[in-house]
C-alpha atoms as a PDB file:
ATOM      1  CA  MET A   1     -29.801 -85.883 -42.695  1.00  0.00           C
ATOM      2  CA  ASN A   2     -29.933 -82.284 -41.497  1.00  0.00           C
ATOM      3  CA  TYR A   3     -32.514 -80.178 -43.275  1.00  0.00           C
ATOM      4  CA  SER A   4     -32.478 -76.458 -43.870  1.00  0.00           C
ATOM      5  CA  GLU A   5     -34.089 -74.306 -46.525  1.00  0.00           C
ATOM      6  CA  PRO A   6     -31.696 -73.415 -49.343  1.00  0.00           C
ATOM      7  CA  ASP A   7     -30.614 -69.810 -49.852  1.00  0.00           C
ATOM      8  CA  ASN A   8     -31.865 -70.255 -53.384  1.00  0.00           C
ATOM      9  CA  VAL A   9     -35.349 -71.669 -52.882  1.00  0.00           C
ATOM     10  CA  GLU A  10     -35.392 -72.858 -56.486  1.00  0.00           C
ATOM     11  CA  ALA A  11     -32.722 -75.422 -55.599  1.00  0.00           C
ATOM     12  CA  ASN A  12     -33.636 -78.829 -54.261  1.00  0.00           C
ATOM     13  CA  PRO A  13     -31.885 -79.264 -50.889  1.00  0.00           C
ATOM     14  CA  PHE A  14     -32.128 -83.056 -51.123  1.00  0.00           C
ATOM     15  CA  GLU A  15     -30.150 -83.518 -54.335  1.00  0.00           C
ATOM     16  CA  GLN A  16     -26.774 -83.181 -52.635  1.00  0.00           C
ATOM     17  CA  ASN A  17     -23.666 -85.337 -52.592  1.00  0.00           C
ATOM     18  CA  GLY A  18     -25.412 -88.108 -54.489  1.00  0.00           C
ATOM     19  CA  SER A  19     -27.316 -89.096 -51.339  1.00  0.00           C
ATOM     20  CA  ALA A  20     -29.197 -92.371 -51.716  1.00  0.00           C
ATOM     21  CA  GLN A  21     -30.979 -92.069 -48.386  1.00  0.00           C
ATOM     22  CA  ARG A  22     -34.216 -91.086 -50.083  1.00  0.00           C
ATOM     23  CA  ILE A  23     -35.721 -90.771 -53.526  1.00  0.00           C
ATOM     24  CA  ALA A  24     -36.161 -87.041 -54.053  1.00  0.00           C
ATOM     25  CA  ARG A  25     -39.564 -85.819 -55.148  1.00  0.00           C
ATOM     26  CA  GLY A  26     -38.631 -82.187 -54.613  1.00  0.00           C
ATOM     27  CA  SER A  27     -38.558 -80.965 -58.169  1.00  0.00           C
ATOM     28  CA  GLY A  28     -40.729 -79.480 -60.858  1.00  0.00           C
ATOM     29  CA  GLU A  29     -44.463 -79.957 -60.579  1.00  0.00           C
ATOM     30  CA  THR A  30     -44.505 -81.232 -56.992  1.00  0.00           C
ATOM     31  CA  ILE A  31     -42.787 -78.170 -55.523  1.00  0.00           C
ATOM     32  CA  THR A  32     -44.778 -75.826 -57.751  1.00  0.00           C
ATOM     33  CA  GLU A  33     -48.108 -77.359 -56.770  1.00  0.00           C
ATOM     34  CA  ILE A  34     -47.389 -77.316 -53.032  1.00  0.00           C
ATOM     35  CA  SER A  35     -46.076 -73.734 -53.324  1.00  0.00           C
ATOM     36  CA  GLU A  36     -49.335 -72.647 -54.934  1.00  0.00           C
ATOM     37  CA  ILE A  37     -51.323 -74.289 -52.157  1.00  0.00           C
ATOM     38  CA  GLY A  38     -49.131 -72.542 -49.590  1.00  0.00           C
ATOM     39  CA  ARG A  39     -49.778 -69.185 -51.213  1.00  0.00           C
ATOM     40  CA  LYS A  40     -53.528 -69.783 -51.262  1.00  0.00           C
ATOM     41  CA  LEU A  41     -53.453 -70.739 -47.587  1.00  0.00           C
ATOM     42  CA  ILE A  42     -51.652 -67.508 -46.703  1.00  0.00           C
ATOM     43  CA  GLU A  43     -54.315 -65.553 -48.569  1.00  0.00           C
ATOM     44  CA  ALA A  44     -57.172 -67.587 -47.035  1.00  0.00           C
ATOM     45  CA  ILE A  45     -56.158 -66.767 -43.459  1.00  0.00           C
ATOM     46  CA  GLY A  46     -56.100 -63.069 -44.317  1.00  0.00           C
ATOM     47  CA  GLU A  47     -52.384 -62.468 -44.791  1.00  0.00           C
ATOM     48  CA  ASP A  48     -50.579 -60.811 -47.679  1.00  0.00           C
ATOM     49  CA  PRO A  49     -48.388 -63.297 -49.588  1.00  0.00           C
ATOM     50  CA  GLU A  50     -46.490 -60.343 -51.066  1.00  0.00           C
ATOM     51  CA  ARG A  51     -45.397 -59.084 -47.660  1.00  0.00           C
ATOM     52  CA  GLU A  52     -41.608 -59.178 -47.340  1.00  0.00           C
ATOM     53  CA  GLY A  53     -41.512 -61.932 -44.734  1.00  0.00           C
ATOM     54  CA  LEU A  54     -43.938 -64.131 -46.695  1.00  0.00           C
ATOM     55  CA  VAL A  55     -42.759 -63.762 -50.291  1.00  0.00           C
ATOM     56  CA  ARG A  56     -40.646 -66.916 -50.217  1.00  0.00           C
ATOM     57  CA  THR A  57     -42.714 -68.779 -47.620  1.00  0.00           C
ATOM     58  CA  PRO A  58     -44.769 -70.876 -50.103  1.00  0.00           C
ATOM     59  CA  GLN A  59     -41.595 -72.390 -51.583  1.00  0.00           C
ATOM     60  CA  ARG A  60     -40.090 -72.967 -48.155  1.00  0.00           C
ATOM     61  CA  VAL A  61     -43.305 -74.733 -47.163  1.00  0.00           C
ATOM     62  CA  ALA A  62     -43.110 -76.881 -50.290  1.00  0.00           C
ATOM     63  CA  TYR A  63     -39.570 -78.073 -49.553  1.00  0.00           C
ATOM     64  CA  ALA A  64     -40.438 -78.655 -45.898  1.00  0.00           C
ATOM     65  CA  TRP A  65     -43.482 -80.766 -46.776  1.00  0.00           C
ATOM     66  CA  ASP A  66     -41.494 -82.694 -49.348  1.00  0.00           C
ATOM     67  CA  PHE A  67     -39.079 -83.659 -46.583  1.00  0.00           C
ATOM     68  CA  LEU A  68     -41.715 -84.323 -43.909  1.00  0.00           C
ATOM     69  CA  THR A  69     -43.564 -86.728 -46.223  1.00  0.00           C
ATOM     70  CA  SER A  70     -40.477 -88.376 -47.726  1.00  0.00           C
ATOM     71  CA  GLY A  71     -41.459 -91.700 -46.181  1.00  0.00           C
ATOM     72  CA  TYR A  72     -43.854 -92.274 -49.075  1.00  0.00           C
ATOM     73  CA  ASP A  73     -40.852 -92.579 -51.387  1.00  0.00           C
ATOM     74  CA  MET A  74     -38.676 -94.739 -49.154  1.00  0.00           C
ATOM     75  CA  ASP A  75     -38.393 -98.385 -50.125  1.00  0.00           C
ATOM     76  CA  ILE A  76     -37.680-100.831 -47.301  1.00  0.00           C
ATOM     77  CA  ASP A  77     -35.471-103.006 -49.514  1.00  0.00           C
ATOM     78  CA  ALA A  78     -33.344 -99.971 -50.379  1.00  0.00           C
ATOM     79  CA  VAL A  79     -33.268 -98.799 -46.768  1.00  0.00           C
ATOM     80  CA  LEU A  80     -32.060-102.168 -45.486  1.00  0.00           C
ATOM     81  CA  ASN A  81     -29.580-102.350 -48.384  1.00  0.00           C
ATOM     82  CA  ASP A  82     -28.425-105.947 -47.808  1.00  0.00           C
ATOM     83  CA  ALA A  83     -27.796-105.243 -44.109  1.00  0.00           C
ATOM     84  CA  ILE A  84     -29.448-108.473 -42.918  1.00  0.00           C
ATOM     85  CA  PHE A  85     -26.932-111.069 -41.761  1.00  0.00           C
ATOM     86  CA  ARG A  86     -26.956-114.687 -40.637  1.00  0.00           C
ATOM     87  CA  GLU A  87     -26.053-114.880 -36.965  1.00  0.00           C
ATOM     88  CA  GLU A  88     -26.748-117.523 -34.322  1.00  0.00           C
ATOM     89  CA  TYR A  89     -27.721-115.096 -31.591  1.00  0.00           C
ATOM     90  CA  ASP A  90     -30.918-115.579 -29.632  1.00  0.00           C
ATOM     91  CA  GLU A  91     -30.961-112.900 -26.936  1.00  0.00           C
ATOM     92  CA  MET A  92     -32.875-109.638 -27.026  1.00  0.00           C
ATOM     93  CA  VAL A  93     -31.634-106.835 -29.265  1.00  0.00           C
ATOM     94  CA  LEU A  94     -32.963-103.462 -28.123  1.00  0.00           C
ATOM     95  CA  VAL A  95     -32.640-100.007 -29.659  1.00  0.00           C
ATOM     96  CA  ARG A  96     -34.339 -97.422 -27.466  1.00  0.00           C
ATOM     97  CA  ASP A  97     -35.000 -93.673 -27.514  1.00  0.00           C
ATOM     98  CA  ILE A  98     -35.198 -93.359 -31.307  1.00  0.00           C
ATOM     99  CA  ASP A  99     -36.392 -89.836 -32.055  1.00  0.00           C
ATOM    100  CA  PHE A 100     -39.174 -89.523 -34.616  1.00  0.00           C
ATOM    101  CA  TYR A 101     -41.285 -86.715 -36.068  1.00  0.00           C
ATOM    102  CA  SER A 102     -44.530 -87.350 -37.878  1.00  0.00           C
ATOM    103  CA  LEU A 103     -47.738 -85.630 -38.983  1.00  0.00           C
ATOM    104  CA  CYS A 104     -51.180 -86.416 -37.622  1.00  0.00           C
ATOM    105  CA  GLU A 105     -53.408 -87.333 -40.562  1.00  0.00           C
ATOM    106  CA  HIS A 106     -56.482 -85.837 -38.886  1.00  0.00           C
ATOM    107  CA  HIS A 107     -55.203 -82.269 -38.500  1.00  0.00           C
ATOM    108  CA  MET A 108     -51.863 -82.350 -40.362  1.00  0.00           C
ATOM    109  CA  LEU A 109     -50.118 -81.147 -37.212  1.00  0.00           C
ATOM    110  CA  PRO A 110     -46.921 -82.709 -35.862  1.00  0.00           C
ATOM    111  CA  PHE A 111     -46.641 -85.464 -33.320  1.00  0.00           C
ATOM    112  CA  PHE A 112     -43.205 -86.456 -32.135  1.00  0.00           C
ATOM    113  CA  GLY A 113     -41.442 -88.530 -29.537  1.00  0.00           C
ATOM    114  CA  LYS A 114     -39.378 -91.675 -29.134  1.00  0.00           C
ATOM    115  CA  ALA A 115     -39.609 -95.264 -30.316  1.00  0.00           C
ATOM    116  CA  HIS A 116     -38.229 -98.278 -28.462  1.00  0.00           C
ATOM    117  CA  ILE A 117     -37.731-101.406 -30.563  1.00  0.00           C
ATOM    118  CA  ALA A 118     -36.601-104.890 -29.601  1.00  0.00           C
ATOM    119  CA  TYR A 119     -36.448-108.242 -31.338  1.00  0.00           C
ATOM    120  CA  ILE A 120     -35.164-111.696 -30.513  1.00  0.00           C
ATOM    121  CA  PRO A 121     -33.290-113.116 -33.525  1.00  0.00           C
ATOM    122  CA  ASN A 122     -34.067-116.435 -35.101  1.00  0.00           C
ATOM    123  CA  GLY A 123     -30.881-116.823 -37.126  1.00  0.00           C
ATOM    124  CA  LYS A 124     -30.895-113.322 -38.674  1.00  0.00           C
ATOM    125  CA  ILE A 125     -29.900-109.883 -37.409  1.00  0.00           C
ATOM    126  CA  VAL A 126     -30.026-106.447 -39.037  1.00  0.00           C
ATOM    127  CA  GLY A 127     -27.487-103.611 -38.916  1.00  0.00           C
ATOM    128  CA  LEU A 128     -28.434-101.463 -35.934  1.00  0.00           C
ATOM    129  CA  SER A 129     -28.488 -98.218 -37.919  1.00  0.00           C
ATOM    130  CA  LYS A 130     -31.250 -99.651 -40.088  1.00  0.00           C
ATOM    131  CA  ILE A 131     -33.750 -99.806 -37.238  1.00  0.00           C
ATOM    132  CA  PRO A 132     -34.060 -95.997 -36.881  1.00  0.00           C
ATOM    133  CA  ARG A 133     -34.313 -95.794 -40.677  1.00  0.00           C
ATOM    134  CA  ILE A 134     -37.302 -98.136 -40.593  1.00  0.00           C
ATOM    135  CA  VAL A 135     -38.898 -95.745 -38.094  1.00  0.00           C
ATOM    136  CA  ASP A 136     -38.335 -92.831 -40.487  1.00  0.00           C
ATOM    137  CA  VAL A 137     -39.955 -94.708 -43.380  1.00  0.00           C
ATOM    138  CA  PHE A 138     -43.264 -94.803 -41.531  1.00  0.00           C
ATOM    139  CA  ALA A 139     -42.963 -91.593 -39.490  1.00  0.00           C
ATOM    140  CA  ARG A 140     -42.353 -89.296 -42.457  1.00  0.00           C
ATOM    141  CA  ARG A 141     -45.876 -89.391 -43.840  1.00  0.00           C
ATOM    142  CA  LEU A 142     -49.406 -88.595 -42.692  1.00  0.00           C
ATOM    143  CA  GLN A 143     -49.950 -91.011 -39.833  1.00  0.00           C
ATOM    144  CA  VAL A 144     -51.679 -92.109 -36.694  1.00  0.00           C
ATOM    145  CA  GLN A 145     -49.380 -93.279 -33.929  1.00  0.00           C
ATOM    146  CA  GLU A 146     -51.099 -96.637 -33.540  1.00  0.00           C
ATOM    147  CA  ARG A 147     -50.686 -97.547 -37.219  1.00  0.00           C
ATOM    148  CA  MET A 148     -47.089 -96.353 -37.350  1.00  0.00           C
ATOM    149  CA  THR A 149     -46.201 -98.512 -34.341  1.00  0.00           C
ATOM    150  CA  GLN A 150     -47.788-101.573 -35.943  1.00  0.00           C
ATOM    151  CA  GLN A 151     -46.134-100.955 -39.323  1.00  0.00           C
ATOM    152  CA  ILE A 152     -42.679-100.837 -37.735  1.00  0.00           C
ATOM    153  CA  ALA A 153     -43.302-104.140 -35.943  1.00  0.00           C
ATOM    154  CA  ASP A 154     -44.764-105.784 -39.046  1.00  0.00           C
ATOM    155  CA  THR A 155     -41.756-104.767 -41.151  1.00  0.00           C
ATOM    156  CA  ILE A 156     -39.193-106.164 -38.716  1.00  0.00           C
ATOM    157  CA  GLU A 157     -41.199-109.378 -38.447  1.00  0.00           C
ATOM    158  CA  GLU A 158     -41.447-109.709 -42.229  1.00  0.00           C
ATOM    159  CA  TYR A 159     -37.763-109.140 -42.990  1.00  0.00           C
ATOM    160  CA  LEU A 160     -36.106-110.868 -40.022  1.00  0.00           C
ATOM    161  CA  ASP A 161     -38.641-113.569 -39.112  1.00  0.00           C
ATOM    162  CA  PRO A 162     -37.513-113.267 -35.465  1.00  0.00           C
ATOM    163  CA  GLN A 163     -38.789-115.137 -32.445  1.00  0.00           C
ATOM    164  CA  GLY A 164     -40.547-111.926 -31.450  1.00  0.00           C
ATOM    165  CA  VAL A 165     -40.738-108.171 -31.975  1.00  0.00           C
ATOM    166  CA  ALA A 166     -41.743-105.421 -29.558  1.00  0.00           C
ATOM    167  CA  VAL A 167     -42.301-101.762 -30.431  1.00  0.00           C
ATOM    168  CA  VAL A 168     -43.368 -99.010 -28.050  1.00  0.00           C
ATOM    169  CA  THR A 169     -43.787 -95.401 -29.146  1.00  0.00           C
ATOM    170  CA  GLU A 170     -44.285 -92.395 -26.884  1.00  0.00           C
ATOM    171  CA  ALA A 171     -45.396 -89.123 -28.439  1.00  0.00           C
ATOM    172  CA  ALA A 172     -46.680 -85.641 -27.835  1.00  0.00           C
ATOM    173  CA  HIS A 173     -49.412 -84.590 -30.259  1.00  0.00           C
ATOM    174  CA  MET A 174     -49.645 -80.943 -31.230  1.00  0.00           C
ATOM    175  CA  CYS A 175     -53.293 -81.436 -32.197  1.00  0.00           C
ATOM    176  CA  MET A 176     -53.957 -82.013 -28.479  1.00  0.00           C
ATOM    177  CA  MET A 177     -51.524 -79.385 -27.220  1.00  0.00           C
ATOM    178  CA  MET A 178     -52.201 -76.438 -29.538  1.00  0.00           C
ATOM    179  CA  ARG A 179     -55.929 -76.865 -30.142  1.00  0.00           C
ATOM    180  CA  GLY A 180     -58.887 -78.876 -28.898  1.00  0.00           C
ATOM    181  CA  VAL A 181     -58.333 -79.977 -25.299  1.00  0.00           C
ATOM    182  CA  GLN A 182     -55.064 -77.994 -25.100  1.00  0.00           C
ATOM    183  CA  LYS A 183     -53.349 -80.390 -22.693  1.00  0.00           C
ATOM    184  CA  GLN A 184     -49.692 -79.468 -22.995  1.00  0.00           C
ATOM    185  CA  ASN A 185     -48.306 -82.232 -20.793  1.00  0.00           C
ATOM    186  CA  SER A 186     -50.183 -85.195 -22.237  1.00  0.00           C
ATOM    187  CA  MET A 187     -48.246 -88.084 -23.783  1.00  0.00           C
ATOM    188  CA  THR A 188     -49.589 -90.976 -25.832  1.00  0.00           C
ATOM    189  CA  THR A 189     -48.085 -94.472 -25.729  1.00  0.00           C
ATOM    190  CA  ALA A 190     -48.750 -97.167 -28.319  1.00  0.00           C
ATOM    191  CA  SER A 191     -47.345-100.676 -28.458  1.00  0.00           C
ATOM    192  CA  ALA A 192     -47.133-103.653 -30.796  1.00  0.00           C
ATOM    193  CA  MET A 193     -46.034-107.038 -29.481  1.00  0.00           C
ATOM    194  CA  LYS A 194     -45.420-110.089 -31.646  1.00  0.00           C
ATOM    195  CA  GLY A 195     -44.181-113.623 -31.099  1.00  0.00           C
ATOM    196  CA  VAL A 196     -42.600-114.321 -27.716  1.00  0.00           C
ATOM    197  CA  PHE A 197     -43.144-110.726 -26.594  1.00  0.00           C
ATOM    198  CA  LYS A 198     -46.877-111.380 -26.869  1.00  0.00           C
ATOM    199  CA  THR A 199     -46.963-114.944 -25.550  1.00  0.00           C
ATOM    200  CA  GLN A 200     -44.281-114.871 -22.842  1.00  0.00           C
ATOM    201  CA  SER A 201     -44.910-112.471 -19.987  1.00  0.00           C
ATOM    202  CA  GLU A 202     -41.310-112.743 -18.759  1.00  0.00           C
ATOM    203  CA  THR A 203     -39.897-111.605 -22.101  1.00  0.00           C
ATOM    204  CA  ARG A 204     -42.407-108.766 -22.348  1.00  0.00           C
ATOM    205  CA  SER A 205     -41.654-107.662 -18.786  1.00  0.00           C
ATOM    206  CA  GLU A 206     -37.916-107.664 -19.457  1.00  0.00           C
ATOM    207  CA  PHE A 207     -38.424-105.405 -22.467  1.00  0.00           C
ATOM    208  CA  LEU A 208     -40.690-102.993 -20.589  1.00  0.00           C
ATOM    209  CA  THR A 209     -38.264-102.852 -17.674  1.00  0.00           C
ATOM    210  CA  LEU A 210     -35.340-102.087 -19.971  1.00  0.00           C
ATOM    211  CA  ILE A 211     -37.073 -99.233 -21.776  1.00  0.00           C
ATOM    212  CA  SER A 212     -38.278 -97.664 -18.521  1.00  0.00           C
ATOM    213  CA  SER A 213     -34.935 -97.875 -16.716  1.00  0.00           C
END
């Protein structure tokens, strides 16, 4: 879903075309409360919330945060939407280079990168488009990369009961790049291995070779 602020900031940009991709929170009290916080923040840093360029900023911030934290409202059952199928296939299924954007829960600054996900079926497969959606469920909330990586792996294991699951995430963290140590070229990698990916070195090596090729 492409996101942009509405021309009329009173409108909810997510209530369009009957989209069922997320459960919209962006209405009424939620937007009003976040807008008020945004205005107070502008004042607290010494800016004028009545300045022309900032007048509508609190509402824009509210809609942006509603979108960036939409994972809290996403239900895995609804996301998968009966897209799990019986299939006697037992080779590795890999979806790599899945873009994600999340928010560090320690500083509420973005971290973003790519996720690589593989599983070996045990009689069940899932529609490939659902795997990036699972990533979004856990990325679009306040997070730490390690937990997000584990949650993705746990979810695939729970719903597919595969022979094994492997998840690797690679991310740049703005809390390290913009502040603190200010290391602009640093990347963080986290992994979660389950089943045969954890117990069989050959399977794990194949996965790591494929995502690095």
